N, C-alpha and C. Protein backbone atom coordinates (compact mmCIF):
# COMPACT_ATOMS: atom_id res chain seq x y z
N MET A 1 107.72 197.77 74.67
CA MET A 1 106.72 196.78 75.00
C MET A 1 105.99 197.23 76.27
N ALA A 2 104.70 197.06 76.31
CA ALA A 2 103.88 197.45 77.45
C ALA A 2 103.92 196.39 78.54
N ILE A 3 103.74 196.85 79.78
CA ILE A 3 103.63 195.91 80.88
C ILE A 3 102.21 195.93 81.40
N GLY A 4 101.82 194.84 82.04
CA GLY A 4 100.48 194.75 82.60
C GLY A 4 100.43 193.72 83.71
N LEU A 5 99.31 193.69 84.38
CA LEU A 5 99.12 192.76 85.48
C LEU A 5 98.93 191.35 84.97
N LYS A 6 99.56 190.42 85.64
CA LYS A 6 99.37 189.00 85.38
C LYS A 6 99.09 188.35 86.74
N VAL A 7 98.04 187.57 86.82
CA VAL A 7 97.71 186.91 88.09
C VAL A 7 97.86 185.40 87.93
N TYR A 8 98.22 184.78 89.03
CA TYR A 8 98.37 183.34 89.10
C TYR A 8 97.42 182.83 90.18
N PRO A 9 96.15 182.60 89.82
CA PRO A 9 95.15 182.20 90.82
C PRO A 9 95.53 180.96 91.60
N GLU A 10 96.30 180.08 90.99
CA GLU A 10 96.68 178.84 91.67
C GLU A 10 97.62 179.11 92.86
N LEU A 11 98.26 180.27 92.89
CA LEU A 11 99.13 180.63 94.01
C LEU A 11 98.39 181.42 95.08
N CYS A 12 97.28 182.05 94.71
CA CYS A 12 96.54 182.93 95.60
C CYS A 12 95.90 182.13 96.73
N HIS A 13 95.99 182.69 97.95
CA HIS A 13 95.30 182.05 99.07
C HIS A 13 94.15 182.91 99.56
N GLY A 14 93.81 183.97 98.81
CA GLY A 14 92.59 184.73 99.06
C GLY A 14 92.65 185.74 100.19
N CYS A 15 93.84 186.21 100.54
CA CYS A 15 93.94 187.15 101.66
C CYS A 15 93.32 188.51 101.34
N GLY A 16 93.33 188.91 100.09
CA GLY A 16 92.75 190.19 99.69
C GLY A 16 93.64 191.40 99.92
N ASN A 17 94.88 191.18 100.33
CA ASN A 17 95.80 192.31 100.54
C ASN A 17 95.91 193.17 99.29
N CYS A 18 95.98 192.55 98.14
CA CYS A 18 96.15 193.27 96.88
C CYS A 18 94.95 194.16 96.58
N VAL A 19 93.76 193.66 96.86
CA VAL A 19 92.53 194.41 96.57
C VAL A 19 92.49 195.67 97.42
N ILE A 20 92.84 195.54 98.69
CA ILE A 20 92.81 196.68 99.61
C ILE A 20 93.96 197.64 99.35
N ALA A 21 95.14 197.10 99.04
CA ALA A 21 96.32 197.94 98.85
C ALA A 21 96.27 198.76 97.57
N CYS A 22 95.54 198.32 96.58
CA CYS A 22 95.48 198.99 95.28
C CYS A 22 94.90 200.40 95.44
N PRO A 23 95.66 201.44 95.09
CA PRO A 23 95.14 202.79 95.23
C PRO A 23 93.97 203.11 94.31
N VAL A 24 93.90 202.48 93.16
CA VAL A 24 92.76 202.69 92.25
C VAL A 24 91.50 202.07 92.85
N ASN A 25 91.61 200.85 93.35
CA ASN A 25 90.45 200.21 94.00
C ASN A 25 89.96 201.05 95.17
N SER A 26 90.87 201.50 96.00
CA SER A 26 90.49 202.29 97.19
C SER A 26 89.83 203.60 96.79
N ALA A 27 90.32 204.22 95.74
CA ALA A 27 89.73 205.48 95.30
C ALA A 27 88.33 205.29 94.74
N ARG A 28 88.06 204.13 94.18
CA ARG A 28 86.76 203.87 93.56
C ARG A 28 85.74 203.29 94.52
N SER A 29 86.18 202.75 95.66
CA SER A 29 85.25 202.09 96.57
C SER A 29 85.59 202.44 98.02
N PRO A 30 84.74 203.15 98.73
CA PRO A 30 84.99 203.43 100.14
C PRO A 30 85.02 202.16 100.98
N GLU A 31 84.29 201.14 100.57
CA GLU A 31 84.32 199.87 101.30
C GLU A 31 85.72 199.25 101.23
N ILE A 32 86.31 199.25 100.06
CA ILE A 32 87.65 198.70 99.90
C ILE A 32 88.66 199.54 100.68
N ALA A 33 88.54 200.86 100.62
CA ALA A 33 89.45 201.73 101.37
C ALA A 33 89.36 201.44 102.87
N GLY A 34 88.21 200.99 103.34
CA GLY A 34 88.02 200.65 104.74
C GLY A 34 88.41 199.22 105.08
N GLY A 35 88.91 198.46 104.11
CA GLY A 35 89.38 197.11 104.37
C GLY A 35 88.36 196.02 104.13
N LYS A 36 87.26 196.36 103.46
CA LYS A 36 86.23 195.36 103.19
C LYS A 36 86.10 195.17 101.68
N GLY A 37 85.30 194.21 101.30
CA GLY A 37 85.01 194.00 99.89
C GLY A 37 84.01 195.02 99.40
N PRO A 38 83.99 195.26 98.11
CA PRO A 38 83.02 196.22 97.57
C PRO A 38 81.60 195.70 97.75
N THR A 39 80.67 196.61 98.00
CA THR A 39 79.28 196.21 98.19
C THR A 39 78.40 196.62 97.03
N ASP A 40 78.96 197.26 96.04
CA ASP A 40 78.17 197.66 94.89
C ASP A 40 78.90 197.24 93.61
N ASP A 41 78.40 197.69 92.51
CA ASP A 41 78.96 197.28 91.22
C ASP A 41 80.06 198.22 90.73
N VAL A 42 80.80 198.82 91.63
CA VAL A 42 81.87 199.72 91.24
C VAL A 42 82.92 198.97 90.42
N GLU A 43 83.47 199.63 89.42
CA GLU A 43 84.49 199.02 88.59
C GLU A 43 85.83 199.11 89.32
N ILE A 44 86.38 197.98 89.64
CA ILE A 44 87.68 197.91 90.29
C ILE A 44 88.60 197.02 89.46
N ILE A 45 89.86 197.08 89.76
CA ILE A 45 90.84 196.33 88.96
C ILE A 45 90.79 194.84 89.26
N MET A 46 90.77 194.51 90.55
CA MET A 46 90.84 193.10 90.93
C MET A 46 89.96 192.83 92.13
N ILE A 47 89.61 191.58 92.28
CA ILE A 47 88.78 191.17 93.41
C ILE A 47 89.08 189.71 93.72
N VAL A 48 88.90 189.33 94.97
CA VAL A 48 89.04 187.92 95.34
C VAL A 48 87.65 187.31 95.29
N GLU A 49 87.52 186.27 94.48
CA GLU A 49 86.26 185.54 94.36
C GLU A 49 86.55 184.06 94.55
N ASP A 50 85.78 183.43 95.39
CA ASP A 50 85.95 182.00 95.68
C ASP A 50 87.39 181.69 96.09
N GLY A 51 88.00 182.61 96.82
CA GLY A 51 89.33 182.37 97.36
C GLY A 51 90.48 182.58 96.40
N GLU A 52 90.19 183.16 95.21
CA GLU A 52 91.25 183.38 94.23
C GLU A 52 91.14 184.77 93.65
N ILE A 53 92.29 185.33 93.32
CA ILE A 53 92.32 186.65 92.71
C ILE A 53 91.85 186.58 91.26
N ASN A 54 91.04 187.56 90.88
CA ASN A 54 90.57 187.68 89.51
C ASN A 54 90.70 189.11 89.06
N LEU A 55 91.19 189.32 87.86
CA LEU A 55 91.26 190.65 87.27
C LEU A 55 89.90 190.97 86.68
N LYS A 56 89.35 192.12 87.03
CA LYS A 56 88.07 192.55 86.50
C LYS A 56 88.24 193.64 85.44
N ASN A 57 89.07 194.63 85.74
CA ASN A 57 89.29 195.75 84.82
C ASN A 57 90.77 196.11 84.81
N PRO A 58 91.61 195.24 84.24
CA PRO A 58 93.05 195.51 84.27
C PRO A 58 93.44 196.78 83.53
N ASP A 59 92.57 197.25 82.64
CA ASP A 59 92.87 198.48 81.91
C ASP A 59 92.88 199.71 82.82
N LEU A 60 92.33 199.61 84.02
CA LEU A 60 92.33 200.72 84.97
C LEU A 60 93.65 200.81 85.74
N CYS A 61 94.49 199.80 85.64
CA CYS A 61 95.72 199.71 86.43
C CYS A 61 96.72 200.78 86.00
N GLY A 62 97.29 201.47 87.01
CA GLY A 62 98.32 202.46 86.76
C GLY A 62 99.72 201.89 86.83
N LYS A 63 99.83 200.58 87.02
CA LYS A 63 101.11 199.85 87.07
C LYS A 63 102.04 200.37 88.16
N CYS A 64 101.48 200.72 89.31
CA CYS A 64 102.29 201.22 90.42
C CYS A 64 103.00 200.08 91.15
N GLY A 65 102.47 198.86 91.06
CA GLY A 65 103.10 197.71 91.69
C GLY A 65 102.73 197.51 93.15
N THR A 66 101.81 198.31 93.68
CA THR A 66 101.43 198.16 95.08
C THR A 66 100.82 196.79 95.35
N CYS A 67 100.01 196.30 94.45
CA CYS A 67 99.40 194.97 94.64
C CYS A 67 100.46 193.89 94.63
N VAL A 68 101.45 194.04 93.76
CA VAL A 68 102.53 193.05 93.67
C VAL A 68 103.29 193.01 94.99
N GLU A 69 103.60 194.18 95.53
CA GLU A 69 104.34 194.26 96.79
C GLU A 69 103.54 193.73 97.97
N SER A 70 102.22 193.85 97.92
CA SER A 70 101.39 193.44 99.06
C SER A 70 101.05 191.95 99.06
N CYS A 71 101.33 191.26 97.98
CA CYS A 71 100.99 189.84 97.87
C CYS A 71 102.05 188.98 98.55
N PRO A 72 101.67 188.23 99.59
CA PRO A 72 102.66 187.42 100.30
C PRO A 72 103.05 186.13 99.58
N VAL A 73 102.33 185.78 98.50
CA VAL A 73 102.61 184.50 97.83
C VAL A 73 102.97 184.68 96.36
N ASP A 74 103.29 185.92 95.95
CA ASP A 74 103.71 186.20 94.57
C ASP A 74 102.69 185.74 93.53
N ALA A 75 101.41 185.96 93.83
CA ALA A 75 100.36 185.55 92.88
C ALA A 75 100.06 186.63 91.85
N ILE A 76 100.71 187.81 91.98
CA ILE A 76 100.50 188.91 91.04
C ILE A 76 101.86 189.43 90.61
N THR A 77 101.99 189.69 89.31
CA THR A 77 103.23 190.28 88.80
C THR A 77 102.88 191.34 87.76
N LEU A 78 103.84 192.19 87.49
CA LEU A 78 103.76 193.09 86.34
C LEU A 78 104.72 192.51 85.30
N GLU A 79 104.17 192.16 84.14
CA GLU A 79 104.97 191.48 83.12
C GLU A 79 104.76 192.14 81.77
N ASP A 80 105.68 191.89 80.86
CA ASP A 80 105.52 192.32 79.48
C ASP A 80 104.29 191.64 78.90
N LEU A 81 103.51 192.42 78.17
CA LEU A 81 102.32 191.85 77.53
C LEU A 81 102.63 191.40 76.13
């Protein structure tokens, strides 16, 4: 069985740690690698919008778990799909 990202927006408090910690996001956006939000239409895995985490391109995820480890409120998990 495959695993994938599952987000719980109701738990998210919008810190953005996951967006910055994600190595795929950082590799695709120099703004994210620098600790800011993306300023262009680069394809990234996740983003915080209106204070909640949203998956944009979960198919890009390498399932490293860095975002899960960086989330202080357990709003992201890797689960069986």
